[in-house]
Protein backbone atom coordinates (compact mmCIF):
# COMPACT_ATOMS: atom_id res chain seq x y z
CA MET A 1 -8.20 -30.04 6.28
CA SER A 2 -5.39 -30.31 8.82
CA ALA A 3 -2.82 -27.57 9.27
CA ASP A 4 -0.19 -27.30 6.55
CA PRO A 5 3.27 -27.96 8.02
CA ASP A 6 4.85 -25.60 5.45
CA GLU A 7 2.44 -22.68 5.87
CA GLU A 8 4.51 -20.62 8.31
CA LEU A 9 7.75 -21.30 6.44
CA VAL A 10 6.20 -20.20 3.14
CA ARG A 11 4.87 -17.05 4.81
CA ARG A 12 8.40 -16.24 6.00
CA VAL A 13 9.85 -16.94 2.53
CA GLY A 14 7.26 -14.56 1.08
CA ALA A 15 8.39 -11.93 3.57
CA GLY A 16 11.99 -12.32 2.36
CA ASP A 17 13.45 -14.17 5.36
CA PRO A 18 16.79 -15.68 4.16
CA ALA A 19 16.78 -18.34 6.90
CA ALA A 20 13.32 -19.46 5.77
CA VAL A 21 14.50 -19.68 2.16
CA GLN A 22 17.41 -21.87 3.24
CA ALA A 23 15.14 -24.05 5.38
CA LEU A 24 12.61 -24.47 2.56
CA VAL A 25 15.32 -25.48 0.09
CA ALA A 26 16.72 -27.99 2.59
CA ARG A 27 13.23 -29.39 3.22
CA LYS A 28 11.99 -29.61 -0.40
CA LEU A 29 15.01 -29.97 -2.71
CA PRO A 30 15.70 -33.70 -2.19
CA ARG A 31 12.09 -34.68 -2.96
CA ILE A 32 11.82 -32.30 -5.93
CA LEU A 33 15.07 -33.62 -7.41
CA SER A 34 14.06 -37.23 -6.83
CA LEU A 35 10.71 -36.68 -8.52
CA ALA A 36 12.24 -34.87 -11.51
CA VAL A 37 15.04 -37.43 -11.99
CA ARG A 38 12.55 -40.28 -11.97
CA MET A 39 10.21 -38.50 -14.38
CA LEU A 40 12.92 -37.35 -16.79
CA GLY A 41 15.65 -39.97 -16.35
CA ASP A 42 18.24 -37.18 -16.57
CA ALA A 43 19.94 -35.64 -13.51
CA ALA A 44 20.97 -32.41 -15.28
CA GLU A 45 17.45 -31.77 -16.53
CA ALA A 46 16.11 -32.61 -13.08
CA GLU A 47 18.36 -29.94 -11.56
CA ASP A 48 17.00 -27.41 -14.07
CA VAL A 49 13.44 -28.39 -13.15
CA ALA A 50 14.24 -28.05 -9.44
CA GLN A 51 15.71 -24.60 -10.02
CA GLU A 52 12.63 -23.49 -11.98
CA THR A 53 10.36 -24.96 -9.28
CA PHE A 54 12.12 -22.86 -6.64
CA MET A 55 11.93 -19.78 -8.86
CA ARG A 56 8.16 -20.26 -8.97
CA ILE A 57 8.06 -20.77 -5.20
CA TRP A 58 9.94 -17.48 -4.64
CA ARG A 59 7.65 -15.61 -7.07
CA HIS A 60 4.44 -16.95 -5.49
CA ALA A 61 5.38 -17.35 -1.81
CA SER A 62 4.11 -13.91 -0.76
CA LYS A 63 0.72 -14.59 -2.40
CA TRP A 64 0.36 -18.27 -1.47
CA ARG A 65 -2.60 -19.09 0.74
CA ARG A 66 -3.71 -22.54 1.73
CA GLY A 67 -6.77 -23.55 -0.21
CA ASN A 68 -7.88 -27.04 -1.04
CA ALA A 69 -4.32 -28.41 -1.26
CA ARG A 70 -1.27 -28.27 0.95
CA PHE A 71 1.82 -26.38 -0.17
CA ASP A 72 3.70 -29.66 -0.71
CA THR A 73 0.97 -30.82 -3.09
CA TRP A 74 1.28 -27.56 -5.05
CA VAL A 75 5.09 -27.94 -5.23
CA HIS A 76 4.79 -31.50 -6.57
CA ARG A 77 2.21 -30.35 -9.15
CA VAL A 78 4.55 -27.54 -10.31
CA THR A 79 7.44 -30.01 -10.58
CA LEU A 80 5.36 -32.51 -12.55
CA ASN A 81 4.14 -29.78 -14.92
CA LEU A 82 7.71 -28.63 -15.56
CA CYS A 83 8.72 -32.24 -16.25
CA TYR A 84 5.80 -32.58 -18.69
CA ASP A 85 6.96 -29.44 -20.48
CA ARG A 86 10.42 -30.91 -20.94
CA LEU A 87 9.09 -34.29 -22.04
CA ARG A 88 6.85 -32.55 -24.60
CA ARG A 89 9.81 -30.58 -25.93
CA ARG A 90 11.77 -33.82 -26.32
CA ARG A 91 9.00 -35.26 -28.50
CA GLU A 92 8.75 -32.07 -30.55
CA LEU A 93 12.49 -31.86 -31.19
CA VAL A 94 13.12 -32.75 -34.82
CA THR A 95 16.70 -33.36 -35.89
CA ASP A 96 18.71 -35.11 -38.56
CA GLU A 97 21.19 -36.31 -35.95
CA MET A 98 20.88 -39.52 -34.00
CA PRO A 99 20.01 -38.90 -30.36
CA ASP A 100 22.66 -39.28 -27.71
CA ILE A 101 22.79 -42.67 -26.06
CA VAL A 102 21.18 -42.58 -22.63
CA ASP A 103 23.70 -42.89 -19.83
CA PRO A 104 23.22 -46.36 -18.33
CA ALA A 105 24.57 -45.22 -14.94
CA PRO A 106 22.10 -45.54 -12.07
CA LEU A 107 20.03 -42.54 -11.08
CA PRO A 108 21.47 -40.71 -8.05
CA ASP A 109 18.90 -42.09 -5.64
CA SER A 110 18.45 -45.53 -7.16
CA HIS A 111 19.63 -48.77 -5.66
CA PRO A 112 22.94 -49.98 -7.05
CA GLY A 113 23.18 -53.15 -9.06
CA GLU A 114 21.54 -54.65 -12.09
CA GLU A 115 18.15 -55.07 -10.38
CA GLY A 116 18.00 -51.32 -9.74
CA HIS A 117 18.89 -50.64 -13.39
CA ARG A 118 16.17 -53.00 -14.59
CA VAL A 119 13.53 -51.38 -12.39
CA GLU A 120 14.53 -47.87 -13.51
CA ARG A 121 14.41 -48.88 -17.20
CA ALA A 122 11.01 -50.50 -16.71
CA LEU A 123 9.73 -47.46 -14.82
CA GLN A 124 10.74 -45.19 -17.70
CA ALA A 125 8.97 -47.48 -20.18
CA ILE A 126 5.49 -47.61 -18.60
CA ALA A 127 2.70 -45.14 -19.37
CA PRO A 128 3.49 -41.64 -18.02
CA ARG A 129 0.44 -41.38 -15.72
CA GLN A 130 1.18 -44.82 -14.25
CA ARG A 131 4.82 -43.78 -13.73
CA GLU A 132 3.73 -40.58 -11.97
CA ALA A 133 1.40 -42.44 -9.62
CA ILE A 134 4.06 -45.02 -8.73
CA ILE A 135 6.75 -42.38 -8.21
CA LEU A 136 4.53 -40.24 -5.97
CA VAL A 137 3.29 -43.12 -3.81
CA TYR A 138 6.31 -45.42 -3.64
CA TYR A 139 9.30 -43.12 -4.13
CA GLN A 140 7.95 -39.80 -2.81
CA GLU A 141 6.08 -41.68 -0.05
CA MET A 142 2.86 -39.71 -0.47
CA SER A 143 -0.41 -41.09 0.78
CA ASN A 144 -2.95 -42.03 -1.88
CA ILE A 145 -4.96 -38.94 -0.95
CA GLU A 146 -1.92 -36.64 -1.36
CA ALA A 147 -0.86 -38.26 -4.63
CA ALA A 148 -4.39 -38.04 -6.04
CA ALA A 149 -4.54 -34.35 -5.12
CA THR A 150 -1.15 -33.76 -6.77
CA LEU A 151 -2.28 -35.49 -9.95
CA GLU A 152 -5.68 -33.76 -9.72
CA ILE A 153 -7.59 -37.05 -9.92
CA SER A 154 -9.79 -39.06 -7.57
CA VAL A 155 -8.32 -41.59 -5.15
CA ASP A 156 -10.10 -44.35 -7.10
CA ALA A 157 -8.44 -43.18 -10.33
CA LEU A 158 -5.06 -43.11 -8.58
CA GLU A 159 -5.54 -46.63 -7.27
CA SER A 160 -6.41 -47.77 -10.78
CA LEU A 161 -3.23 -46.15 -12.14
CA LEU A 162 -1.18 -47.81 -9.40
CA SER A 163 -2.69 -51.20 -10.14
CA ARG A 164 -2.10 -50.92 -13.88
CA GLY A 165 1.40 -49.53 -13.29
CA ARG A 166 2.37 -52.39 -10.98
CA ARG A 167 1.08 -54.92 -13.54
CA SER A 168 3.00 -53.19 -16.34
CA LEU A 169 6.20 -53.19 -14.29
CA GLN A 170 5.72 -56.81 -13.31
CA THR A 171 5.17 -57.82 -16.94
CA MET A 172 8.22 -55.89 -18.15
CA LEU A 173 10.47 -57.18 -15.42
CA ALA A 174 9.31 -60.77 -15.97
CA GLY A 175 9.89 -60.39 -19.73
CA ASP A 176 13.35 -58.96 -19.05
CA GLY A 177 14.45 -62.21 -17.46
CA GLY A 178 13.60 -61.01 -13.96
CA HIS A 179 12.02 -62.97 -11.17
CA ASP A 180 8.90 -61.83 -9.35
């Protein structure tokens, strides 16, 4: 496995170096937020997930050692797991009240315009594992190998998820009056 570009920075964070903490936040926060917003569809919840992700980084930085996965892969896995926890809690929440209406405003990093809205709505509607694969590869710009490691699946399984996810999106967007 090639050298981990975050290894030295994580070591410094674990040693309590404030400049390293600041550098790690600057390096990882945009991608963590983007991943969480796309998974949850809620910027406020995404910020909470990012904060919890960094809390876990701080707690584990001094003990972190490169194993089979790079640090970035571990961070994405932590973020996804925290998103899953929140999505599970949403399903388990039982109430007599009607849920709030989802804000139709575009996500912070989405493209403006109706096409961007349509794609975001379709992305939220496809199967969760397909959504994860698409977000990691196309929005987080991970290689198939990195995304598969993050999702803890084989590259073949990832490619199958991507294929099914693209077909699902294409079907939804075509059914929504969109053009291919």
